[in-house]
PDB file of N, CA and C in Angstrom:
ATOM      1  N   MET A   1      28.704 -57.403  -3.665  1.00  0.00           N
ATOM      2  CA  MET A   1      27.969 -57.663  -4.879  1.00  0.00           C
ATOM      3  C   MET A   1      26.641 -58.312  -4.550  1.00  0.00           C
ATOM      4  N   SER A   2      25.716 -58.101  -5.420  1.00  0.00           N
ATOM      5  CA  SER A   2      24.394 -58.661  -5.228  1.00  0.00           C
ATOM      6  C   SER A   2      24.395 -60.137  -5.605  1.00  0.00           C
ATOM      7  N   SER A   3      23.664 -60.935  -4.854  1.00  0.00           N
ATOM      8  CA  SER A   3      23.632 -62.366  -5.150  1.00  0.00           C
ATOM      9  C   SER A   3      22.704 -62.679  -6.318  1.00  0.00           C
ATOM     10  N   GLN A   4      21.718 -61.809  -6.608  1.00  0.00           N
ATOM     11  CA  GLN A   4      20.807 -62.046  -7.715  1.00  0.00           C
ATOM     12  C   GLN A   4      21.469 -61.745  -9.058  1.00  0.00           C
ATOM     13  N   ASN A   5      22.252 -60.693  -9.132  1.00  0.00           N
ATOM     14  CA  ASN A   5      22.885 -60.286 -10.380  1.00  0.00           C
ATOM     15  C   ASN A   5      24.364 -60.069 -10.110  1.00  0.00           C
ATOM     16  N   PRO A   6      25.211 -61.069 -10.342  1.00  0.00           N
ATOM     17  CA  PRO A   6      26.621 -60.940  -9.972  1.00  0.00           C
ATOM     18  C   PRO A   6      27.403 -59.947 -10.824  1.00  0.00           C
ATOM     19  N   SER A   7      26.870 -59.512 -11.967  1.00  0.00           N
ATOM     20  CA  SER A   7      27.623 -58.590 -12.820  1.00  0.00           C
ATOM     21  C   SER A   7      27.483 -57.134 -12.377  1.00  0.00           C
ATOM     22  N   VAL A   8      26.571 -56.839 -11.464  1.00  0.00           N
ATOM     23  CA  VAL A   8      26.354 -55.473 -10.999  1.00  0.00           C
ATOM     24  C   VAL A   8      27.059 -55.279  -9.667  1.00  0.00           C
ATOM     25  N   ASP A   9      27.922 -54.282  -9.588  1.00  0.00           N
ATOM     26  CA  ASP A   9      28.645 -53.980  -8.359  1.00  0.00           C
ATOM     27  C   ASP A   9      27.936 -52.822  -7.668  1.00  0.00           C
ATOM     28  N   THR A  10      27.262 -53.098  -6.558  1.00  0.00           N
ATOM     29  CA  THR A  10      26.511 -52.063  -5.854  1.00  0.00           C
ATOM     30  C   THR A  10      27.356 -51.312  -4.838  1.00  0.00           C
ATOM     31  N   THR A  11      28.560 -51.787  -4.535  1.00  0.00           N
ATOM     32  CA  THR A  11      29.392 -51.125  -3.536  1.00  0.00           C
ATOM     33  C   THR A  11      30.253 -50.027  -4.131  1.00  0.00           C
ATOM     34  N   ALA A  12      30.465 -50.028  -5.431  1.00  0.00           N
ATOM     35  CA  ALA A  12      31.325 -49.021  -6.068  1.00  0.00           C
ATOM     36  C   ALA A  12      30.571 -47.698  -6.188  1.00  0.00           C
ATOM     37  N   THR A  13      31.264 -46.623  -5.935  1.00  0.00           N
ATOM     38  CA  THR A  13      30.666 -45.299  -6.083  1.00  0.00           C
ATOM     39  C   THR A  13      31.120 -44.698  -7.400  1.00  0.00           C
ATOM     40  N   SER A  14      30.223 -43.997  -8.034  1.00  0.00           N
ATOM     41  CA  SER A  14      30.587 -43.380  -9.314  1.00  0.00           C
ATOM     42  C   SER A  14      31.346 -42.085  -9.046  1.00  0.00           C
ATOM     43  N   ALA A  15      32.468 -41.901  -9.745  1.00  0.00           N
ATOM     44  CA  ALA A  15      33.316 -40.728  -9.553  1.00  0.00           C
ATOM     45  C   ALA A  15      33.175 -39.758 -10.715  1.00  0.00           C
ATOM     46  N   VAL A  16      31.995 -39.713 -11.332  1.00  0.00           N
ATOM     47  CA  VAL A  16      31.775 -38.806 -12.452  1.00  0.00           C
ATOM     48  C   VAL A  16      31.418 -37.434 -11.888  1.00  0.00           C
ATOM     49  N   PRO A  17      32.222 -36.407 -12.171  1.00  0.00           N
ATOM     50  CA  PRO A  17      31.904 -35.077 -11.648  1.00  0.00           C
ATOM     51  C   PRO A  17      30.709 -34.472 -12.382  1.00  0.00           C
ATOM     52  N   VAL A  18      29.831 -33.835 -11.632  1.00  0.00           N
ATOM     53  CA  VAL A  18      28.674 -33.177 -12.218  1.00  0.00           C
ATOM     54  C   VAL A  18      29.082 -31.757 -12.573  1.00  0.00           C
ATOM     55  N   GLN A  19      28.962 -31.418 -13.854  1.00  0.00           N
ATOM     56  CA  GLN A  19      29.381 -30.100 -14.314  1.00  0.00           C
ATOM     57  C   GLN A  19      28.220 -29.124 -14.156  1.00  0.00           C
ATOM     58  N   THR A  20      28.469 -28.031 -13.451  1.00  0.00           N
ATOM     59  CA  THR A  20      27.453 -27.004 -13.278  1.00  0.00           C
ATOM     60  C   THR A  20      27.845 -25.770 -14.075  1.00  0.00           C
ATOM     61  N   ILE A  21      26.836 -25.012 -14.467  1.00  0.00           N
ATOM     62  CA  ILE A  21      27.044 -23.786 -15.231  1.00  0.00           C
ATOM     63  C   ILE A  21      26.474 -22.636 -14.418  1.00  0.00           C
ATOM     64  N   THR A  22      27.189 -21.529 -14.384  1.00  0.00           N
ATOM     65  CA  THR A  22      26.747 -20.368 -13.621  1.00  0.00           C
ATOM     66  C   THR A  22      25.870 -19.485 -14.497  1.00  0.00           C
ATOM     67  N   TYR A  23      24.683 -19.166 -13.997  1.00  0.00           N
ATOM     68  CA  TYR A  23      23.753 -18.276 -14.672  1.00  0.00           C
ATOM     69  C   TYR A  23      23.460 -17.088 -13.770  1.00  0.00           C
ATOM     70  N   ILE A  24      23.089 -15.956 -14.373  1.00  0.00           N
ATOM     71  CA  ILE A  24      22.716 -14.753 -13.633  1.00  0.00           C
ATOM     72  C   ILE A  24      21.241 -14.493 -13.891  1.00  0.00           C
ATOM     73  N   CYS A  25      20.485 -14.277 -12.820  1.00  0.00           N
ATOM     74  CA  CYS A  25      19.048 -14.047 -12.923  1.00  0.00           C
ATOM     75  C   CYS A  25      18.774 -12.696 -13.571  1.00  0.00           C
ATOM     76  N   GLY A  26      17.791 -12.640 -14.451  1.00  0.00           N
ATOM     77  CA  GLY A  26      17.422 -11.399 -15.111  1.00  0.00           C
ATOM     78  C   GLY A  26      16.610 -10.478 -14.218  1.00  0.00           C
ATOM     79  N   GLU A  27      16.053 -10.992 -13.146  1.00  0.00           N
ATOM     80  CA  GLU A  27      15.221 -10.190 -12.253  1.00  0.00           C
ATOM     81  C   GLU A  27      16.005  -9.657 -11.053  1.00  0.00           C
ATOM     82  N   CYS A  28      16.647 -10.543 -10.286  1.00  0.00           N
ATOM     83  CA  CYS A  28      17.312 -10.126  -9.047  1.00  0.00           C
ATOM     84  C   CYS A  28      18.837 -10.087  -9.169  1.00  0.00           C
ATOM     85  N   ARG A  29      19.393 -10.470 -10.322  1.00  0.00           N
ATOM     86  CA  ARG A  29      20.842 -10.461 -10.597  1.00  0.00           C
ATOM     87  C   ARG A  29      21.636 -11.392  -9.674  1.00  0.00           C
ATOM     88  N   ALA A  30      20.997 -12.393  -9.111  1.00  0.00           N
ATOM     89  CA  ALA A  30      21.693 -13.370  -8.270  1.00  0.00           C
ATOM     90  C   ALA A  30      22.312 -14.444  -9.158  1.00  0.00           C
ATOM     91  N   GLU A  31      23.459 -14.970  -8.744  1.00  0.00           N
ATOM     92  CA  GLU A  31      24.120 -16.036  -9.489  1.00  0.00           C
ATOM     93  C   GLU A  31      23.593 -17.384  -9.016  1.00  0.00           C
ATOM     94  N   SER A  32      23.302 -18.267  -9.971  1.00  0.00           N
ATOM     95  CA  SER A  32      22.793 -19.598  -9.662  1.00  0.00           C
ATOM     96  C   SER A  32      23.632 -20.639 -10.375  1.00  0.00           C
ATOM     97  N   GLN A  33      23.975 -21.705  -9.678  1.00  0.00           N
ATOM     98  CA  GLN A  33      24.676 -22.840 -10.269  1.00  0.00           C
ATOM     99  C   GLN A  33      23.614 -23.851 -10.688  1.00  0.00           C
ATOM    100  N   ILE A  34      23.545 -24.154 -11.984  1.00  0.00           N
ATOM    101  CA  ILE A  34      22.524 -25.062 -12.493  1.00  0.00           C
ATOM    102  C   ILE A  34      23.202 -26.251 -13.150  1.00  0.00           C
ATOM    103  N   LYS A  35      22.731 -27.445 -12.804  1.00  0.00           N
ATOM    104  CA  LYS A  35      23.254 -28.688 -13.353  1.00  0.00           C
ATOM    105  C   LYS A  35      22.491 -29.028 -14.638  1.00  0.00           C
ATOM    106  N   PRO A  36      23.073 -29.897 -15.470  1.00  0.00           N
ATOM    107  CA  PRO A  36      22.336 -30.340 -16.659  1.00  0.00           C
ATOM    108  C   PRO A  36      21.043 -31.050 -16.262  1.00  0.00           C
ATOM    109  N   ARG A  37      20.028 -30.884 -17.042  1.00  0.00           N
ATOM    110  CA  ARG A  37      18.698 -31.481 -16.839  1.00  0.00           C
ATOM    111  C   ARG A  37      17.959 -30.905 -15.634  1.00  0.00           C
ATOM    112  N   GLU A  38      18.433 -29.805 -15.069  1.00  0.00           N
ATOM    113  CA  GLU A  38      17.752 -29.162 -13.946  1.00  0.00           C
ATOM    114  C   GLU A  38      16.854 -28.057 -14.501  1.00  0.00           C
ATOM    115  N   ASN A  39      15.778 -27.752 -13.800  1.00  0.00           N
ATOM    116  CA  ASN A  39      14.878 -26.694 -14.250  1.00  0.00           C
ATOM    117  C   ASN A  39      15.603 -25.361 -14.303  1.00  0.00           C
ATOM    118  N   ILE A  40      15.339 -24.601 -15.371  1.00  0.00           N
ATOM    119  CA  ILE A  40      15.938 -23.276 -15.513  1.00  0.00           C
ATOM    120  C   ILE A  40      15.078 -22.303 -14.710  1.00  0.00           C
ATOM    121  N   ARG A  41      15.531 -22.038 -13.496  1.00  0.00           N
ATOM    122  CA  ARG A  41      14.786 -21.164 -12.595  1.00  0.00           C
ATOM    123  C   ARG A  41      15.752 -20.618 -11.557  1.00  0.00           C
ATOM    124  N   CYS A  42      15.612 -19.343 -11.210  1.00  0.00           N
ATOM    125  CA  CYS A  42      16.465 -18.723 -10.198  1.00  0.00           C
ATOM    126  C   CYS A  42      16.190 -19.374  -8.843  1.00  0.00           C
ATOM    127  N   HIS A  43      17.256 -19.661  -8.110  1.00  0.00           N
ATOM    128  CA  HIS A  43      17.101 -20.287  -6.796  1.00  0.00           C
ATOM    129  C   HIS A  43      16.610 -19.292  -5.752  1.00  0.00           C
ATOM    130  N   ASP A  44      16.801 -17.985  -5.984  1.00  0.00           N
ATOM    131  CA  ASP A  44      16.394 -16.977  -5.004  1.00  0.00           C
ATOM    132  C   ASP A  44      14.962 -16.495  -5.216  1.00  0.00           C
ATOM    133  N   CYS A  45      14.654 -16.050  -6.453  1.00  0.00           N
ATOM    134  CA  CYS A  45      13.342 -15.441  -6.684  1.00  0.00           C
ATOM    135  C   CYS A  45      12.418 -16.295  -7.548  1.00  0.00           C
ATOM    136  N   GLY A  46      12.932 -17.326  -8.212  1.00  0.00           N
ATOM    137  CA  GLY A  46      12.095 -18.192  -9.032  1.00  0.00           C
ATOM    138  C   GLY A  46      11.876 -17.689 -10.447  1.00  0.00           C
ATOM    139  N   HIS A  47      12.533 -16.603 -10.818  1.00  0.00           N
ATOM    140  CA  HIS A  47      12.394 -16.041 -12.166  1.00  0.00           C
ATOM    141  C   HIS A  47      12.971 -17.023 -13.179  1.00  0.00           C
ATOM    142  N   ARG A  48      12.354 -17.096 -14.386  1.00  0.00           N
ATOM    143  CA  ARG A  48      12.760 -18.099 -15.364  1.00  0.00           C
ATOM    144  C   ARG A  48      13.654 -17.556 -16.474  1.00  0.00           C
ATOM    145  N   VAL A  49      14.037 -16.286 -16.430  1.00  0.00           N
ATOM    146  CA  VAL A  49      14.940 -15.718 -17.433  1.00  0.00           C
ATOM    147  C   VAL A  49      16.322 -15.622 -16.810  1.00  0.00           C
ATOM    148  N   LEU A  50      17.247 -16.463 -17.289  1.00  0.00           N
ATOM    149  CA  LEU A  50      18.609 -16.493 -16.771  1.00  0.00           C
ATOM    150  C   LEU A  50      19.578 -16.260 -17.918  1.00  0.00           C
ATOM    151  N   TYR A  51      20.688 -15.605 -17.613  1.00  0.00           N
ATOM    152  CA  TYR A  51      21.718 -15.312 -18.597  1.00  0.00           C
ATOM    153  C   TYR A  51      22.988 -16.045 -18.197  1.00  0.00           C
ATOM    154  N   LYS A  52      23.647 -16.640 -19.197  1.00  0.00           N
ATOM    155  CA  LYS A  52      24.888 -17.355 -18.919  1.00  0.00           C
ATOM    156  C   LYS A  52      25.975 -16.349 -18.577  1.00  0.00           C
ATOM    157  N   LYS A  53      26.726 -16.635 -17.512  1.00  0.00           N
ATOM    158  CA  LYS A  53      27.780 -15.735 -17.069  1.00  0.00           C
ATOM    159  C   LYS A  53      28.927 -15.768 -18.064  1.00  0.00           C
ATOM    160  N   ARG A  54      29.423 -14.596 -18.431  1.00  0.00           N
ATOM    161  CA  ARG A  54      30.520 -14.504 -19.386  1.00  0.00           C
ATOM    162  C   ARG A  54      31.843 -14.813 -18.723  1.00  0.00           C
ATOM    163  N   SER A  55      32.767 -15.281 -19.526  1.00  0.00           N
ATOM    164  CA  SER A  55      34.109 -15.576 -19.048  1.00  0.00           C
ATOM    165  C   SER A  55      34.866 -14.276 -18.833  1.00  0.00           C
ATOM    166  N   GLU A  56      35.754 -14.262 -17.848  1.00  0.00           N
ATOM    167  CA  GLU A  56      36.562 -13.076 -17.589  1.00  0.00           C
ATOM    168  C   GLU A  56      37.877 -13.119 -18.350  1.00  0.00           C
ATOM    169  N   ILE A  57      38.107 -14.173 -19.129  1.00  0.00           N
ATOM    170  CA  ILE A  57      39.330 -14.313 -19.910  1.00  0.00           C
ATOM    171  C   ILE A  57      39.132 -13.613 -21.249  1.00  0.00           C
ATOM    172  N   LEU A  58      40.069 -12.761 -21.609  1.00  0.00           N
ATOM    173  CA  LEU A  58      39.994 -12.035 -22.865  1.00  0.00           C
ATOM    174  C   LEU A  58      40.464 -12.932 -23.998  1.00  0.00           C
ATOM    175  N   SER A  59      39.657 -13.036 -25.051  1.00  0.00           N
ATOM    176  CA  SER A  59      40.025 -13.823 -26.225  1.00  0.00           C
ATOM    177  C   SER A  59      40.332 -12.883 -27.371  1.00  0.00           C
ATOM    178  N   VAL A  60      41.487 -13.060 -27.994  1.00  0.00           N
ATOM    179  CA  VAL A  60      41.885 -12.246 -29.131  1.00  0.00           C
ATOM    180  C   VAL A  60      42.082 -13.179 -30.310  1.00  0.00           C
ATOM    181  N   PHE A  61      41.398 -12.894 -31.413  1.00  0.00           N
ATOM    182  CA  PHE A  61      41.492 -13.727 -32.592  1.00  0.00           C
ATOM    183  C   PHE A  61      42.266 -13.000 -33.671  1.00  0.00           C
ATOM    184  N   GLU A  62      43.003 -13.765 -34.449  1.00  0.00           N
ATOM    185  CA  GLU A  62      43.796 -13.200 -35.526  1.00  0.00           C
ATOM    186  C   GLU A  62      42.879 -12.899 -36.703  1.00  0.00           C
ATOM    187  N   GLY A  63      43.097 -11.759 -37.328  1.00  0.00           N
ATOM    188  CA  GLY A  63      42.265 -11.341 -38.447  1.00  0.00           C
ATOM    189  C   GLY A  63      42.642 -12.037 -39.739  1.00  0.00           C
ATOM    190  N   SER A  64      42.009 -11.619 -40.798  1.00  0.00           N
ATOM    191  CA  SER A  64      42.236 -12.202 -42.111  1.00  0.00           C
ATOM    192  C   SER A  64      43.541 -11.690 -42.708  1.00  0.00           C
ATOM    193  N   TYR A  65      44.152 -12.500 -43.551  1.00  0.00           N
ATOM    194  CA  TYR A  65      45.401 -12.107 -44.194  1.00  0.00           C
ATOM    195  C   TYR A  65      45.164 -11.190 -45.395  1.00  0.00           C
ATOM    196  N   ARG A  66      43.923 -10.986 -45.792  1.00  0.00           N
ATOM    197  CA  ARG A  66      43.694 -10.120 -46.951  1.00  0.00           C
ATOM    198  C   ARG A  66      43.945  -8.656 -46.616  1.00  0.00           C
ATOM    199  N   TYR A  67      44.044  -8.310 -45.358  1.00  0.00           N
ATOM    200  CA  TYR A  67      44.347  -6.940 -44.954  1.00  0.00           C
ATOM    201  C   TYR A  67      45.837  -6.749 -44.681  1.00  0.00           C
ATOM    202  N   ALA A  68      46.646  -7.722 -45.045  1.00  0.00           N
ATOM    203  CA  ALA A  68      48.081  -7.634 -44.777  1.00  0.00           C
ATOM    204  C   ALA A  68      48.744  -6.537 -45.597  1.00  0.00           C
ATOM    205  N   ASP A  69      48.089  -6.079 -46.677  1.00  0.00           N
ATOM    206  CA  ASP A  69      48.694  -5.005 -47.467  1.00  0.00           C
ATOM    207  C   ASP A  69      48.667  -3.678 -46.726  1.00  0.00           C
ATOM    208  N   ARG A  70      47.838  -3.573 -45.693  1.00  0.00           N
ATOM    209  CA  ARG A  70      47.795  -2.344 -44.889  1.00  0.00           C
ATOM    210  C   ARG A  70      48.880  -2.327 -43.813  1.00  0.00           C
ATOM    211  N   VAL A  71      49.455  -3.478 -43.534  1.00  0.00           N
ATOM    212  CA  VAL A  71      50.503  -3.574 -42.529  1.00  0.00           C
ATOM    213  C   VAL A  71      51.817  -3.195 -43.194  1.00  0.00           C
ATOM    214  N   PRO A  72      52.576  -2.270 -42.621  1.00  0.00           N
ATOM    215  CA  PRO A  72      53.821  -1.862 -43.276  1.00  0.00           C
ATOM    216  C   PRO A  72      54.858  -2.983 -43.311  1.00  0.00           C
ATOM    217  N   ASN A  73      55.643  -3.018 -44.398  1.00  0.00           N
ATOM    218  CA  ASN A  73      56.766  -3.947 -44.583  1.00  0.00           C
ATOM    219  C   ASN A  73      56.349  -5.418 -44.572  1.00  0.00           C
ATOM    220  N   THR A  74      55.186  -5.734 -45.101  1.00  0.00           N
ATOM    221  CA  THR A  74      54.774  -7.132 -45.211  1.00  0.00           C
ATOM    222  C   THR A  74      54.292  -7.397 -46.628  1.00  0.00           C
ATOM    223  N   THR A  75      54.294  -8.639 -46.996  1.00  0.00           N
ATOM    224  CA  THR A  75      53.768  -9.051 -48.290  1.00  0.00           C
ATOM    225  C   THR A  75      52.685 -10.082 -48.062  1.00  0.00           C
ATOM    226  N   LEU A  76      51.810 -10.218 -49.042  1.00  0.00           N
ATOM    227  CA  LEU A  76      50.751 -11.207 -48.942  1.00  0.00           C
ATOM    228  C   LEU A  76      51.340 -12.601 -49.108  1.00  0.00           C
ATOM    229  N   PRO A  77      50.811 -13.596 -48.389  1.00  0.00           N
ATOM    230  CA  PRO A  77      51.347 -14.950 -48.509  1.00  0.00           C
ATOM    231  C   PRO A  77      50.981 -15.568 -49.858  1.00  0.00           C
ATOM    232  N   ARG A  78      51.854 -16.425 -50.352  1.00  0.00           N
ATOM    233  CA  ARG A  78      51.597 -17.164 -51.576  1.00  0.00           C
ATOM    234  C   ARG A  78      51.193 -18.583 -51.217  1.00  0.00           C
ATOM    235  N   PHE A  79      50.627 -19.287 -52.183  1.00  0.00           N
ATOM    236  CA  PHE A  79      50.206 -20.667 -51.953  1.00  0.00           C
ATOM    237  C   PHE A  79      51.418 -21.514 -51.584  1.00  0.00           C
ATOM    238  N   GLY A  80      51.329 -22.265 -50.504  1.00  0.00           N
ATOM    239  CA  GLY A  80      52.416 -23.125 -50.071  1.00  0.00           C
ATOM    240  C   GLY A  80      53.331 -22.489 -49.046  1.00  0.00           C
ATOM    241  N   ASP A  81      53.187 -21.181 -48.796  1.00  0.00           N
ATOM    242  CA  ASP A  81      54.018 -20.520 -47.792  1.00  0.00           C
ATOM    243  C   ASP A  81      53.616 -20.984 -46.391  1.00  0.00           C
ATOM    244  N   VAL A  82      54.585 -21.067 -45.516  1.00  0.00           N
ATOM    245  CA  VAL A  82      54.310 -21.358 -44.115  1.00  0.00           C
ATOM    246  C   VAL A  82      53.980 -20.031 -43.452  1.00  0.00           C
ATOM    247  N   LEU A  83      52.768 -19.931 -42.911  1.00  0.00           N
ATOM    248  CA  LEU A  83      52.304 -18.667 -42.339  1.00  0.00           C
ATOM    249  C   LEU A  83      52.714 -18.571 -40.882  1.00  0.00           C
ATOM    250  N   GLU A  84      53.245 -17.436 -40.512  1.00  0.00           N
ATOM    251  CA  GLU A  84      53.594 -17.157 -39.130  1.00  0.00           C
ATOM    252  C   GLU A  84      52.609 -16.132 -38.595  1.00  0.00           C
ATOM    253  N   PRO A  85      52.267 -16.214 -37.318  1.00  0.00           N
ATOM    254  CA  PRO A  85      51.335 -15.238 -36.768  1.00  0.00           C
ATOM    255  C   PRO A  85      51.920 -13.831 -36.807  1.00  0.00           C
ATOM    256  N   VAL A  86      51.070 -12.869 -37.147  1.00  0.00           N
ATOM    257  CA  VAL A  86      51.486 -11.475 -37.259  1.00  0.00           C
ATOM    258  C   VAL A  86      50.745 -10.681 -36.197  1.00  0.00           C
ATOM    259  N   LEU A  87      51.468  -9.914 -35.418  1.00  0.00           N
ATOM    260  CA  LEU A  87      50.848  -9.045 -34.431  1.00  0.00           C
ATOM    261  C   LEU A  87      50.933  -7.623 -34.937  1.00  0.00           C
ATOM    262  N   TYR A  88      49.796  -7.048 -35.240  1.00  0.00           N
ATOM    263  CA  TYR A  88      49.743  -5.689 -35.758  1.00  0.00           C
ATOM    264  C   TYR A  88      48.735  -4.917 -34.937  1.00  0.00           C
ATOM    265  N   ILE A  89      49.160  -3.852 -34.305  1.00  0.00           N
ATOM    266  CA  ILE A  89      48.274  -3.011 -33.518  1.00  0.00           C
ATOM    267  C   ILE A  89      48.128  -1.694 -34.262  1.00  0.00           C
ATOM    268  N   PRO A  90      46.940  -1.412 -34.787  1.00  0.00           N
ATOM    269  CA  PRO A  90      46.757  -0.154 -35.505  1.00  0.00           C
ATOM    270  C   PRO A  90      46.914   1.039 -34.576  1.00  0.00           C
ATOM    271  N   SER A  91      47.199   2.190 -35.155  1.00  0.00           N
ATOM    272  CA  SER A  91      47.418   3.394 -34.350  1.00  0.00           C
ATOM    273  C   SER A  91      46.168   3.807 -33.594  1.00  0.00           C
ATOM    274  N   ILE A  92      45.002   3.390 -34.052  1.00  0.00           N
ATOM    275  CA  ILE A  92      43.759   3.703 -33.340  1.00  0.00           C
ATOM    276  C   ILE A  92      43.768   3.026 -31.974  1.00  0.00           C
ATOM    277  N   MET A  93      44.273   1.803 -31.910  1.00  0.00           N
ATOM    278  CA  MET A  93      44.281   1.053 -30.659  1.00  0.00           C
ATOM    279  C   MET A  93      45.337   1.568 -29.682  1.00  0.00           C
ATOM    280  N   THR A  94      46.410   2.154 -30.169  1.00  0.00           N
ATOM    281  CA  THR A  94      47.471   2.600 -29.272  1.00  0.00           C
ATOM    282  C   THR A  94      47.120   3.891 -28.550  1.00  0.00           C
ATOM    283  N   ASN A  95      46.110   4.621 -29.027  1.00  0.00           N
ATOM    284  CA  ASN A  95      45.732   5.887 -28.398  1.00  0.00           C
ATOM    285  C   ASN A  95      44.753   5.702 -27.251  1.00  0.00           C
ATOM    286  N   LEU A  96      44.357   4.469 -26.962  1.00  0.00           N
ATOM    287  CA  LEU A  96      43.365   4.242 -25.905  1.00  0.00           C
ATOM    288  C   LEU A  96      43.940   4.437 -24.542  1.00  0.00           C
TER     289      LEU A  96
END
């Protein structure tokens, strides 16, 4: 500890992980890891147009319940009903 300011601990190291985001350069298509507050610039060519890399995880969202009348053997929910998730794959999707 410092003798001038005893409340400051200079020997402790901060264990805060720095989160980086992967961007793809619009010019050379190289991937760059950029930290917060860092200049937005490609590390290879210096181009300033970068695109955020998309996730490879597929996200599927449940649709609206107002189309439940198109699903066979189902009824529309009433106020106060406990809703259970419904998985409905239209015939258009099964032919892919």
